[in-house]
Amino acid sequence: MNMKAMTVLFVLLAMTVHAVTIESGDTLTGAIVSPGASNQYDFAAVAGDTVQIRMADTNAAAFSDQVELRGPNGALIASTFSSDHAEITATLTNSGTFTIICKEFSTATGSYFVSMLRLTGYPLSANDPDIGAISSGETLTGTINMPGDLDAVTFAAVAGDTVQIRM
């Protein structure tokens, strides 16, 4: 039997950090520390939920945000990128644990913020103090605390109601 020596070179081209749980209303910080790396954020949802996800870098000149939404089976639901902020709004067709993947579109590194809101009547995170319910005639004050922050206000209405919202 002829045996030859062989050298194997292993190069890690991309690294994914273990998933972090994100709650509706949260704005979390993350960083892409090496070209091709990505970070994952998981959340639970049910079929029919509509979610809004936003990724915004902390230095727009050096970073192109890319965000993906994947279903419980890993299938791609939506993907987008932007040099300013990347945003996905999607109505989910199944139930389970969904994954948000944040990465940089090219080869840059840097830090970013990622936010997620479930827009279909679920309680919002207590981690963001300027969100919640509003009544007719009430004025609320909120603050966009960092790039990518999403603030949501909920109200009750019935079919046929006309609403006026000012910001």
Foldseek 3Di string as FASTA:
>chain_A
DDDDDDDDDDDDPEAEDDEAEAFAQDKDKDKFPWFRYKYKYKDWDAAFWKKKKKKAFQDLVFFKKKKWKADPVRHTPDIDIGSGMDMDIDGHHGTDMMMMMIDTPGTTIGMIMMHMHGPPDDDHDVVAPQAEEDDPPDDGDHDQPGPHRDHYYDYDDDPPDDDDDDD
